[in-house]
Amino acid sequence: MDALLAAIYSKLTGSALSSDVGGRVYLDEAPAGCEFPYVVYFVVSSTPDDVFCQKGKQTLIQFSLFSANTSAVEVADLYDSLRTLFDDAFIEISIHETDGVRYYTIDGYLADGSYLADGTYFAGYNDILLWMHEVNLTTMVEDITTAEGVQSVKHWAADYEVVTQES
């Protein structure tokens, strides 16, 4: 699961979606009093999908998009940025270990965004292929209690199926 969450975080970092929300992208929950708009993503479920000699999983990730704008334009733009980033996305994750330290590379880049130099030696190596596609979108308007009182916000929840297969 660490590799999957690292891949999602890596794709989000520096993306148009992250820029649209001023970097306010959170795993599991937003901090209290968080400024709008923001994104929260979390694992809904994960099921092993081991076939023959391949290990894999089917994981459902939900991306919740929150906007306090009275118009649906802002949340719709966030949704478009999310779809551009993740819908039908293929991601290759390599897990490397050396001297007891585990490194993830996502599409050739270390999880912190730096490029993996050619010739870098790692003692262990494992690849995970990841495919993401949207399976559901639920739109709603919710009342959220803030320090200023109750505020009506738009909440769009996009569910993505993530299929992973280890080599």
Protein backbone atom coordinates (compact mmCIF):
# COMPACT_ATOMS: atom_id res chain seq x y z
CA MET A 1 0.00 0.00 0.00
CA ASP A 2 2.95 2.33 0.67
CA ALA A 3 4.00 2.14 -2.98
CA LEU A 4 0.49 2.97 -4.20
CA LEU A 5 0.13 5.97 -1.88
CA ALA A 6 3.64 7.15 -2.82
CA ALA A 7 2.70 6.97 -6.53
CA ILE A 8 -0.49 8.96 -5.99
CA TYR A 9 1.34 11.56 -3.91
CA SER A 10 4.08 11.81 -6.54
CA LYS A 11 1.57 12.34 -9.37
CA LEU A 12 -0.29 14.96 -7.31
CA THR A 13 2.84 16.91 -6.37
CA GLY A 14 3.28 19.87 -8.71
CA SER A 15 0.20 18.93 -10.77
CA ALA A 16 -2.45 21.32 -12.03
CA LEU A 17 -4.85 19.86 -9.45
CA SER A 18 -2.43 20.61 -6.60
CA SER A 19 -1.92 24.13 -7.96
CA ASP A 20 -5.69 24.65 -8.27
CA VAL A 21 -6.08 24.02 -4.52
CA GLY A 22 -2.93 25.83 -3.43
CA GLY A 23 -1.22 22.56 -2.45
CA ARG A 24 -4.02 21.62 -0.04
CA VAL A 25 -4.08 17.90 -0.85
CA TYR A 26 -4.42 15.56 2.13
CA LEU A 27 -4.36 11.83 2.80
CA ASP A 28 -7.33 10.61 4.88
CA GLU A 29 -8.56 13.97 6.24
CA ALA A 30 -8.04 17.70 6.00
CA PRO A 31 -6.88 19.61 9.06
CA ALA A 32 -9.53 21.45 11.07
CA GLY A 33 -10.26 24.89 9.66
CA CYS A 34 -8.66 24.11 6.29
CA GLU A 35 -9.10 26.81 3.66
CA PHE A 36 -11.20 25.94 0.59
CA PRO A 37 -10.78 24.53 -2.00
CA TYR A 38 -8.99 21.32 -1.03
CA VAL A 39 -8.69 17.63 -1.91
CA VAL A 40 -8.74 14.61 0.40
CA TYR A 41 -7.92 11.13 -0.88
CA PHE A 42 -8.12 7.83 0.94
CA VAL A 43 -8.27 4.07 0.48
CA VAL A 44 -11.87 2.80 0.54
CA SER A 45 -11.05 -0.88 0.09
CA SER A 46 -8.33 -3.20 -1.16
CA THR A 47 -8.70 -6.79 -2.31
CA PRO A 48 -5.87 -9.20 -3.17
CA ASP A 49 -5.97 -10.27 -6.81
CA ASP A 50 -3.26 -12.93 -7.08
CA VAL A 51 -3.37 -14.80 -10.39
CA PHE A 52 -1.00 -17.61 -11.31
CA CYS A 53 2.50 -16.38 -10.41
CA GLN A 54 1.56 -12.69 -10.26
CA LYS A 55 0.68 -10.82 -7.08
CA GLY A 56 -1.80 -8.01 -7.43
CA LYS A 57 -4.54 -5.98 -5.80
CA GLN A 58 -7.67 -4.13 -6.72
CA THR A 59 -7.93 -1.00 -4.62
CA LEU A 60 -10.66 1.62 -4.53
CA ILE A 61 -9.37 5.15 -3.88
CA GLN A 62 -11.72 8.07 -3.32
CA PHE A 63 -10.73 11.62 -4.18
CA SER A 64 -13.01 14.11 -2.40
CA LEU A 65 -13.00 17.59 -3.90
CA PHE A 66 -14.29 20.41 -1.67
CA SER A 67 -15.22 23.94 -2.77
CA ALA A 68 -17.00 26.72 -0.89
CA ASN A 69 -17.67 28.59 -4.14
CA THR A 70 -21.41 29.02 -4.75
CA SER A 71 -20.90 28.19 -8.42
CA ALA A 72 -20.10 24.65 -9.54
CA VAL A 73 -17.40 25.97 -11.89
CA GLU A 74 -14.55 25.67 -9.36
CA VAL A 75 -15.32 22.11 -8.26
CA ALA A 76 -15.93 21.08 -11.90
CA ASP A 77 -12.50 22.47 -12.84
CA LEU A 78 -10.95 20.48 -9.96
CA TYR A 79 -12.70 17.37 -11.24
CA ASP A 80 -11.38 17.97 -14.78
CA SER A 81 -7.84 18.32 -13.41
CA LEU A 82 -8.28 15.09 -11.43
CA ARG A 83 -9.49 13.20 -14.51
CA THR A 84 -6.61 14.53 -16.61
CA LEU A 85 -4.15 13.34 -13.98
CA PHE A 86 -5.52 9.91 -13.09
CA ASP A 87 -8.18 8.60 -15.49
CA ASP A 88 -6.76 5.67 -17.47
CA ALA A 89 -3.32 6.40 -16.00
CA PHE A 90 -0.62 3.75 -16.24
CA ILE A 91 2.13 4.16 -13.66
CA GLU A 92 5.25 2.07 -13.17
CA ILE A 93 6.56 1.87 -9.63
CA SER A 94 9.96 0.36 -8.87
CA ILE A 95 10.90 -0.50 -5.32
CA HIS A 96 14.63 -0.45 -4.65
CA GLU A 97 16.46 -1.36 -1.47
CA THR A 98 20.02 -0.62 -0.52
CA ASP A 99 21.64 -0.59 2.91
CA GLY A 100 18.25 -1.28 4.50
CA VAL A 101 16.67 1.84 2.97
CA ARG A 102 13.69 1.48 0.62
CA TYR A 103 13.33 3.87 -2.33
CA TYR A 104 10.35 4.17 -4.65
CA THR A 105 10.68 5.38 -8.21
CA ILE A 106 7.56 6.36 -10.05
CA ASP A 107 7.92 6.45 -13.84
CA GLY A 108 11.70 6.86 -13.40
CA TYR A 109 11.61 9.52 -10.69
CA LEU A 110 12.22 9.09 -6.99
CA ALA A 111 9.10 9.59 -4.88
CA ASP A 112 10.46 12.99 -3.79
CA GLY A 113 10.44 14.11 -7.45
CA SER A 114 14.19 13.87 -8.17
CA TYR A 115 15.28 11.85 -11.20
CA LEU A 116 16.90 8.46 -10.63
CA ALA A 117 20.40 8.68 -12.10
CA ASP A 118 21.48 5.97 -14.53
CA GLY A 119 23.90 3.50 -12.99
CA THR A 120 22.49 3.87 -9.48
CA TYR A 121 22.94 0.54 -7.71
CA PHE A 122 20.24 -1.00 -5.58
CA ALA A 123 20.54 -4.38 -3.85
CA GLY A 124 16.86 -5.29 -4.28
CA TYR A 125 14.46 -4.47 -7.08
CA ASN A 126 10.77 -5.07 -7.60
CA ASP A 127 8.34 -3.59 -10.14
CA ILE A 128 4.67 -2.80 -9.69
CA LEU A 129 2.47 -1.81 -12.61
CA LEU A 130 -0.52 0.32 -11.72
CA TRP A 131 -3.57 1.24 -13.77
CA MET A 132 -6.22 3.72 -12.55
CA HIS A 133 -9.64 4.51 -13.94
CA GLU A 134 -12.69 6.31 -12.63
CA VAL A 135 -15.63 4.12 -11.66
CA ASN A 136 -18.02 6.53 -9.94
CA LEU A 137 -18.69 10.20 -9.27
CA THR A 138 -21.06 11.41 -6.55
CA THR A 139 -21.85 15.12 -6.28
CA MET A 140 -23.35 16.66 -3.17
CA VAL A 141 -23.75 19.85 -1.20
CA GLU A 142 -22.90 19.61 2.50
CA ASP A 143 -23.11 21.91 5.46
CA ILE A 144 -19.77 22.05 7.27
CA THR A 145 -19.29 23.71 10.64
CA THR A 146 -16.39 26.19 10.61
CA ALA A 147 -15.14 28.74 13.15
CA GLU A 148 -17.38 31.31 11.44
CA GLY A 149 -20.46 29.05 11.62
CA VAL A 150 -22.12 26.65 9.22
CA GLN A 151 -20.94 26.89 5.62
CA SER A 152 -22.46 25.20 2.58
CA VAL A 153 -19.82 23.53 0.40
CA LYS A 154 -19.78 21.50 -2.78
CA HIS A 155 -18.30 18.01 -2.33
CA TRP A 156 -17.59 15.86 -5.36
CA ALA A 157 -16.39 12.34 -4.56
CA ALA A 158 -14.67 10.49 -7.42
CA ASP A 159 -13.93 6.80 -6.92
CA TYR A 160 -11.00 5.31 -8.81
CA GLU A 161 -10.30 1.62 -9.20
CA VAL A 162 -6.58 0.97 -9.02
CA VAL A 163 -5.33 -2.34 -10.38
CA THR A 164 -1.78 -3.24 -9.34
CA GLN A 165 0.37 -6.15 -10.44
CA GLU A 166 3.81 -6.99 -9.05
CA SER A 167 6.50 -8.62 -11.13
